[in-house]
Structures are given as structure tokens and as C-alpha cells.
N, C-alpha and C. Protein backbone atom coordinates (compact mmCIF):
# COMPACT_ATOMS: atom_id res chain seq x y z
N MET A 1 0.81 -1.19 0.00
CA MET A 1 0.00 0.00 0.00
C MET A 1 0.85 1.25 0.00
N ASP A 2 1.90 1.20 0.75
CA ASP A 2 2.76 2.35 0.89
C ASP A 2 3.39 2.72 -0.46
N SER A 3 3.75 1.73 -1.25
CA SER A 3 4.35 2.01 -2.55
C SER A 3 3.30 2.56 -3.51
N ARG A 4 2.06 2.14 -3.31
CA ARG A 4 0.99 2.64 -4.16
C ARG A 4 0.77 4.14 -3.90
N ASN A 5 0.79 4.57 -2.66
CA ASN A 5 0.64 5.99 -2.32
C ASN A 5 1.80 6.80 -2.87
N ARG A 6 2.98 6.20 -2.83
CA ARG A 6 4.14 6.90 -3.38
C ARG A 6 3.99 7.11 -4.88
N VAL A 7 3.48 6.12 -5.56
CA VAL A 7 3.28 6.22 -7.01
C VAL A 7 2.29 7.35 -7.31
N PHE A 8 1.20 7.38 -6.55
CA PHE A 8 0.21 8.45 -6.76
C PHE A 8 0.79 9.82 -6.40
N ASP A 9 1.55 9.87 -5.33
CA ASP A 9 2.18 11.13 -4.94
C ASP A 9 3.15 11.61 -6.01
N ASP A 10 3.95 10.66 -6.52
CA ASP A 10 4.90 11.02 -7.58
C ASP A 10 4.16 11.47 -8.84
N ALA A 11 3.10 10.77 -9.20
CA ALA A 11 2.32 11.14 -10.38
C ALA A 11 1.69 12.51 -10.20
N ALA A 12 1.20 12.80 -8.99
CA ALA A 12 0.61 14.11 -8.71
C ALA A 12 1.66 15.20 -8.82
N ARG A 13 2.86 14.95 -8.31
CA ARG A 13 3.94 15.92 -8.40
C ARG A 13 4.34 16.17 -9.86
N VAL A 14 4.43 15.10 -10.61
CA VAL A 14 4.78 15.23 -12.03
C VAL A 14 3.70 16.02 -12.77
N ALA A 15 2.44 15.69 -12.50
CA ALA A 15 1.34 16.40 -13.15
C ALA A 15 1.33 17.88 -12.74
N GLY A 16 1.57 18.14 -11.46
CA GLY A 16 1.64 19.54 -11.00
C GLY A 16 2.78 20.29 -11.64
N GLY A 17 3.91 19.65 -11.75
CA GLY A 17 5.06 20.27 -12.42
C GLY A 17 4.77 20.53 -13.89
N ALA A 18 4.10 19.58 -14.53
CA ALA A 18 3.75 19.75 -15.95
C ALA A 18 2.78 20.90 -16.12
N MET A 19 1.82 21.03 -15.21
CA MET A 19 0.85 22.12 -15.29
C MET A 19 1.54 23.46 -15.09
N GLY A 20 2.47 23.50 -14.17
CA GLY A 20 3.24 24.73 -13.95
C GLY A 20 4.06 25.11 -15.17
N ALA A 21 4.67 24.09 -15.77
CA ALA A 21 5.47 24.33 -16.98
C ALA A 21 4.58 24.81 -18.12
N LEU A 22 3.40 24.21 -18.27
CA LEU A 22 2.47 24.62 -19.32
C LEU A 22 1.96 26.05 -19.08
N ALA A 23 1.71 26.40 -17.82
CA ALA A 23 1.28 27.76 -17.51
C ALA A 23 2.38 28.75 -17.88
N GLY A 24 3.63 28.39 -17.61
CA GLY A 24 4.75 29.25 -17.98
C GLY A 24 4.87 29.40 -19.49
N VAL A 25 4.70 28.30 -20.21
CA VAL A 25 4.74 28.35 -21.67
C VAL A 25 3.60 29.22 -22.20
N ARG A 26 2.44 29.09 -21.60
CA ARG A 26 1.27 29.88 -22.01
C ARG A 26 1.56 31.38 -21.82
N ARG A 27 2.09 31.75 -20.67
CA ARG A 27 2.42 33.16 -20.42
C ARG A 27 3.45 33.67 -21.44
N GLU A 28 4.41 32.84 -21.73
CA GLU A 28 5.45 33.23 -22.69
C GLU A 28 4.86 33.43 -24.09
N VAL A 29 3.98 32.53 -24.51
CA VAL A 29 3.34 32.64 -25.83
C VAL A 29 2.48 33.90 -25.87
N GLU A 30 1.72 34.17 -24.81
CA GLU A 30 0.89 35.38 -24.77
C GLU A 30 1.75 36.64 -24.88
N THR A 31 2.88 36.64 -24.21
CA THR A 31 3.78 37.79 -24.27
C THR A 31 4.32 37.98 -25.69
N LEU A 32 4.72 36.89 -26.32
CA LEU A 32 5.23 36.98 -27.69
C LEU A 32 4.14 37.48 -28.65
N VAL A 33 2.94 36.96 -28.51
CA VAL A 33 1.83 37.38 -29.38
C VAL A 33 1.53 38.86 -29.18
N ARG A 34 1.51 39.30 -27.92
CA ARG A 34 1.26 40.71 -27.62
C ARG A 34 2.31 41.61 -28.27
N HIS A 35 3.57 41.22 -28.17
CA HIS A 35 4.64 42.00 -28.78
C HIS A 35 4.49 42.06 -30.30
N GLN A 36 4.13 40.95 -30.90
CA GLN A 36 3.95 40.91 -32.35
C GLN A 36 2.79 41.81 -32.76
N ILE A 37 1.69 41.75 -32.03
CA ILE A 37 0.53 42.59 -32.36
C ILE A 37 0.88 44.06 -32.19
N ASP A 38 1.58 44.40 -31.12
CA ASP A 38 2.01 45.79 -30.92
C ASP A 38 2.89 46.26 -32.06
N ARG A 39 3.79 45.41 -32.49
CA ARG A 39 4.69 45.76 -33.60
C ARG A 39 3.91 45.98 -34.89
N ILE A 40 2.98 45.10 -35.16
CA ILE A 40 2.15 45.22 -36.37
C ILE A 40 1.32 46.50 -36.33
N LEU A 41 0.69 46.78 -35.18
CA LEU A 41 -0.14 47.98 -35.06
C LEU A 41 0.69 49.24 -35.17
N SER A 42 1.89 49.23 -34.64
CA SER A 42 2.74 50.43 -34.74
C SER A 42 3.15 50.67 -36.19
N ASN A 43 3.35 49.61 -36.95
CA ASN A 43 3.68 49.76 -38.37
C ASN A 43 2.48 50.23 -39.18
N MET A 44 1.27 49.93 -38.72
CA MET A 44 0.06 50.32 -39.44
C MET A 44 -0.36 51.76 -39.13
N ASP A 45 0.31 52.41 -38.21
CA ASP A 45 0.02 53.80 -37.84
C ASP A 45 -1.42 53.94 -37.33
N VAL A 46 -1.83 53.06 -36.44
CA VAL A 46 -3.15 53.07 -35.84
C VAL A 46 -3.10 53.93 -34.58
N VAL A 47 -4.16 54.74 -34.36
CA VAL A 47 -4.20 55.59 -33.17
C VAL A 47 -4.54 54.77 -31.94
N SER A 48 -4.09 55.27 -30.80
CA SER A 48 -4.40 54.58 -29.55
C SER A 48 -5.81 54.94 -29.10
N ARG A 49 -6.32 54.19 -28.18
CA ARG A 49 -7.67 54.43 -27.66
C ARG A 49 -7.74 55.79 -26.98
N ASP A 50 -6.69 56.15 -26.24
CA ASP A 50 -6.67 57.45 -25.56
C ASP A 50 -6.72 58.60 -26.56
N GLU A 51 -5.95 58.49 -27.64
CA GLU A 51 -5.96 59.53 -28.66
C GLU A 51 -7.33 59.62 -29.32
N PHE A 52 -7.93 58.47 -29.61
CA PHE A 52 -9.26 58.45 -30.22
C PHE A 52 -10.29 59.12 -29.32
N GLU A 53 -10.28 58.79 -28.04
CA GLU A 53 -11.23 59.38 -27.09
C GLU A 53 -11.04 60.89 -26.99
N ALA A 54 -9.79 61.34 -26.99
CA ALA A 54 -9.51 62.77 -26.89
C ALA A 54 -10.05 63.51 -28.12
N VAL A 55 -9.81 62.97 -29.30
CA VAL A 55 -10.28 63.60 -30.53
C VAL A 55 -11.81 63.56 -30.60
N ARG A 56 -12.41 62.47 -30.16
CA ARG A 56 -13.87 62.37 -30.16
C ARG A 56 -14.48 63.43 -29.23
N GLU A 57 -13.89 63.64 -28.08
CA GLU A 57 -14.37 64.66 -27.15
C GLU A 57 -14.21 66.06 -27.73
N MET A 58 -13.08 66.29 -28.43
CA MET A 58 -12.87 67.59 -29.08
C MET A 58 -13.92 67.83 -30.15
N ALA A 59 -14.25 66.79 -30.93
CA ALA A 59 -15.26 66.92 -31.98
C ALA A 59 -16.64 67.19 -31.37
N ALA A 60 -16.97 66.52 -30.29
CA ALA A 60 -18.26 66.75 -29.63
C ALA A 60 -18.34 68.17 -29.09
N THR A 61 -17.26 68.66 -28.51
CA THR A 61 -17.22 70.03 -27.99
C THR A 61 -17.38 71.03 -29.13
N ALA A 62 -16.70 70.79 -30.23
CA ALA A 62 -16.79 71.68 -31.40
C ALA A 62 -18.21 71.67 -31.96
N ARG A 63 -18.83 70.51 -31.98
CA ARG A 63 -20.21 70.42 -32.49
C ARG A 63 -21.18 71.20 -31.60
N ARG A 64 -21.03 71.07 -30.26
CA ARG A 64 -21.89 71.82 -29.34
C ARG A 64 -21.68 73.33 -29.53
N GLU A 65 -20.45 73.75 -29.69
CA GLU A 65 -20.14 75.16 -29.90
C GLU A 65 -20.74 75.66 -31.21
N GLN A 66 -20.65 74.85 -32.25
CA GLN A 66 -21.22 75.22 -33.54
C GLN A 66 -22.73 75.39 -33.43
N GLU A 67 -23.40 74.47 -32.76
CA GLU A 67 -24.85 74.58 -32.60
C GLU A 67 -25.22 75.82 -31.80
N ARG A 68 -24.44 76.13 -30.76
CA ARG A 68 -24.70 77.32 -29.96
C ARG A 68 -24.53 78.59 -30.80
N LEU A 69 -23.48 78.60 -31.62
CA LEU A 69 -23.25 79.76 -32.47
C LEU A 69 -24.32 79.89 -33.56
N GLU A 70 -24.80 78.76 -34.09
CA GLU A 70 -25.88 78.81 -35.08
C GLU A 70 -27.14 79.42 -34.47
N GLU A 71 -27.46 79.04 -33.24
CA GLU A 71 -28.62 79.61 -32.56
C GLU A 71 -28.43 81.11 -32.34
N ARG A 72 -27.22 81.50 -31.97
CA ARG A 72 -26.94 82.91 -31.73
C ARG A 72 -27.05 83.72 -33.02
N VAL A 73 -26.51 83.19 -34.12
CA VAL A 73 -26.59 83.88 -35.41
C VAL A 73 -28.05 84.00 -35.84
N ALA A 74 -28.84 82.94 -35.65
CA ALA A 74 -30.25 82.98 -36.03
C ALA A 74 -30.98 84.05 -35.22
N ALA A 75 -30.68 84.15 -33.92
CA ALA A 75 -31.32 85.16 -33.08
C ALA A 75 -30.90 86.57 -33.52
N LEU A 76 -29.63 86.74 -33.84
CA LEU A 76 -29.16 88.06 -34.31
C LEU A 76 -29.79 88.42 -35.65
N GLU A 77 -29.91 87.45 -36.55
CA GLU A 77 -30.54 87.72 -37.84
C GLU A 77 -32.00 88.09 -37.66
N ALA A 78 -32.68 87.39 -36.75
CA ALA A 78 -34.08 87.70 -36.49
C ALA A 78 -34.22 89.10 -35.91
N ALA A 79 -33.33 89.45 -34.98
CA ALA A 79 -33.37 90.79 -34.40
C ALA A 79 -33.07 91.84 -35.45
N LEU A 80 -32.11 91.58 -36.31
CA LEU A 80 -31.75 92.51 -37.36
C LEU A 80 -32.91 92.66 -38.35
N ALA A 81 -33.54 91.56 -38.70
CA ALA A 81 -34.68 91.61 -39.62
C ALA A 81 -35.82 92.39 -38.98
N GLY A 82 -36.03 92.24 -37.69
CA GLY A 82 -37.06 93.00 -36.98
C GLY A 82 -36.76 94.48 -36.99
N ASN A 83 -35.52 94.88 -36.83
CA ASN A 83 -35.12 96.29 -36.85
C ASN A 83 -35.27 96.88 -38.24
N LYS A 84 -35.02 96.12 -39.27
CA LYS A 84 -35.14 96.61 -40.64
C LYS A 84 -36.60 96.83 -41.01
N GLU A 85 -37.48 95.97 -40.52
CA GLU A 85 -38.90 96.09 -40.86
C GLU A 85 -39.52 97.31 -40.19
N LYS A 86 -39.16 97.64 -38.98
CA LYS A 86 -39.75 98.78 -38.27
C LYS A 86 -39.47 100.10 -38.99
N PRO A 87 -38.22 100.39 -39.35
CA PRO A 87 -38.00 101.65 -40.09
C PRO A 87 -38.68 101.62 -41.45
N ALA A 88 -38.74 100.47 -42.10
CA ALA A 88 -39.40 100.39 -43.40
C ALA A 88 -40.87 100.71 -43.25
N LYS A 89 -41.51 100.23 -42.21
CA LYS A 89 -42.93 100.52 -41.97
C LYS A 89 -43.10 102.00 -41.67
N ALA A 90 -42.20 102.57 -40.91
CA ALA A 90 -42.28 103.99 -40.58
C ALA A 90 -42.13 104.83 -41.84
N LYS A 91 -41.22 104.46 -42.72
CA LYS A 91 -41.04 105.19 -43.97
C LYS A 91 -42.28 105.08 -44.83
N THR A 92 -42.88 103.90 -44.89
CA THR A 92 -44.08 103.71 -45.69
C THR A 92 -45.21 104.56 -45.15
N ALA A 93 -45.33 104.61 -43.84
CA ALA A 93 -46.39 105.42 -43.23
C ALA A 93 -46.17 106.90 -43.51
N SER A 94 -44.94 107.37 -43.44
CA SER A 94 -44.67 108.79 -43.70
C SER A 94 -44.88 109.11 -45.16
N ARG A 95 -44.60 108.18 -46.05
CA ARG A 95 -44.85 108.39 -47.48
C ARG A 95 -46.34 108.48 -47.75
N ALA A 96 -47.10 107.65 -47.08
CA ALA A 96 -48.55 107.67 -47.27
C ALA A 96 -49.12 109.01 -46.84
N LYS A 97 -48.62 109.57 -45.76
CA LYS A 97 -49.09 110.86 -45.29
C LYS A 97 -48.70 111.95 -46.28
N ALA A 98 -47.53 111.85 -46.86
CA ALA A 98 -47.05 112.87 -47.77
C ALA A 98 -47.81 112.83 -49.09
N THR A 99 -48.25 111.69 -49.55
CA THR A 99 -48.94 111.58 -50.82
C THR A 99 -50.44 111.74 -50.67
N LYS A 100 -50.94 111.76 -49.47
CA LYS A 100 -52.37 111.92 -49.24
C LYS A 100 -52.76 113.37 -49.54
N PRO A 101 -53.79 113.55 -50.32
CA PRO A 101 -54.17 114.94 -50.65
C PRO A 101 -54.67 115.67 -49.40
N ALA A 102 -54.37 116.92 -49.36
CA ALA A 102 -54.79 117.74 -48.23
C ALA A 102 -56.30 117.98 -48.34
N PRO A 103 -57.01 118.02 -47.22
CA PRO A 103 -58.44 118.24 -47.29
C PRO A 103 -58.73 119.65 -47.82
N LYS A 104 -59.79 119.74 -48.60
CA LYS A 104 -60.14 121.02 -49.22
C LYS A 104 -60.80 121.91 -48.17
N GLU A 105 -60.41 123.12 -48.23
CA GLU A 105 -61.02 124.07 -47.33
C GLU A 105 -62.16 124.75 -48.04
N GLY A 106 -63.13 124.93 -47.33
CA GLY A 106 -64.02 125.72 -47.99
C GLY A 106 -65.38 125.69 -48.07
């Protein structure tokens, strides 16, 4: 019985050592693959996630500013159009008074 337990203990140790070795090989392969992917991406001139997020935020800010300025321009144009109509109406009214015949006396 004692030799049987030793065999199982030895087999367990060998299996544990093999699993440790395989885990080490796995980590090494992952590291190599990561380095290869990084090298390929750097050659492709791909932007990083941080750069992409920064540019996306800048574009969103620019879009909000553009919309705000469009609203402001529309309000200014409306105000300007309102100011142009008032003097035009006043001129029309004064012209009507000037062309109206004077009442006859008499």
C-alpha cells in the first residue's frame, strides 16, 4: 500500500510540475503574441484608444459650440430683420401721409 501511495504522490507531483510548466509556456506565448501585435499595429500607424477618445471629445465640444453659435446667429438675424422692418414701416407710413391729398377748405 505504501508504494501505491508513493506512485500516486509522484504522479501528482509530475502532473503539478507539468501544469506549472504549461502555464509558464502559455504566459510566454501570450507575451510573444502581444509584442507581435504591438509591432504590427505600430507599423500600421493606428491611433491609440486614448488619442481616439480625446479627438472624439474635441469633436463633440466643437459640435456643441457650432450649434450654440448657429442659434446665436439665427437670433441676431431675427433681431436685425425686426429692426429693418420697423423703419421700413415707418417710412411707408410717412410716405402715405405725404402723398395723401390735403383736405379742401371751404
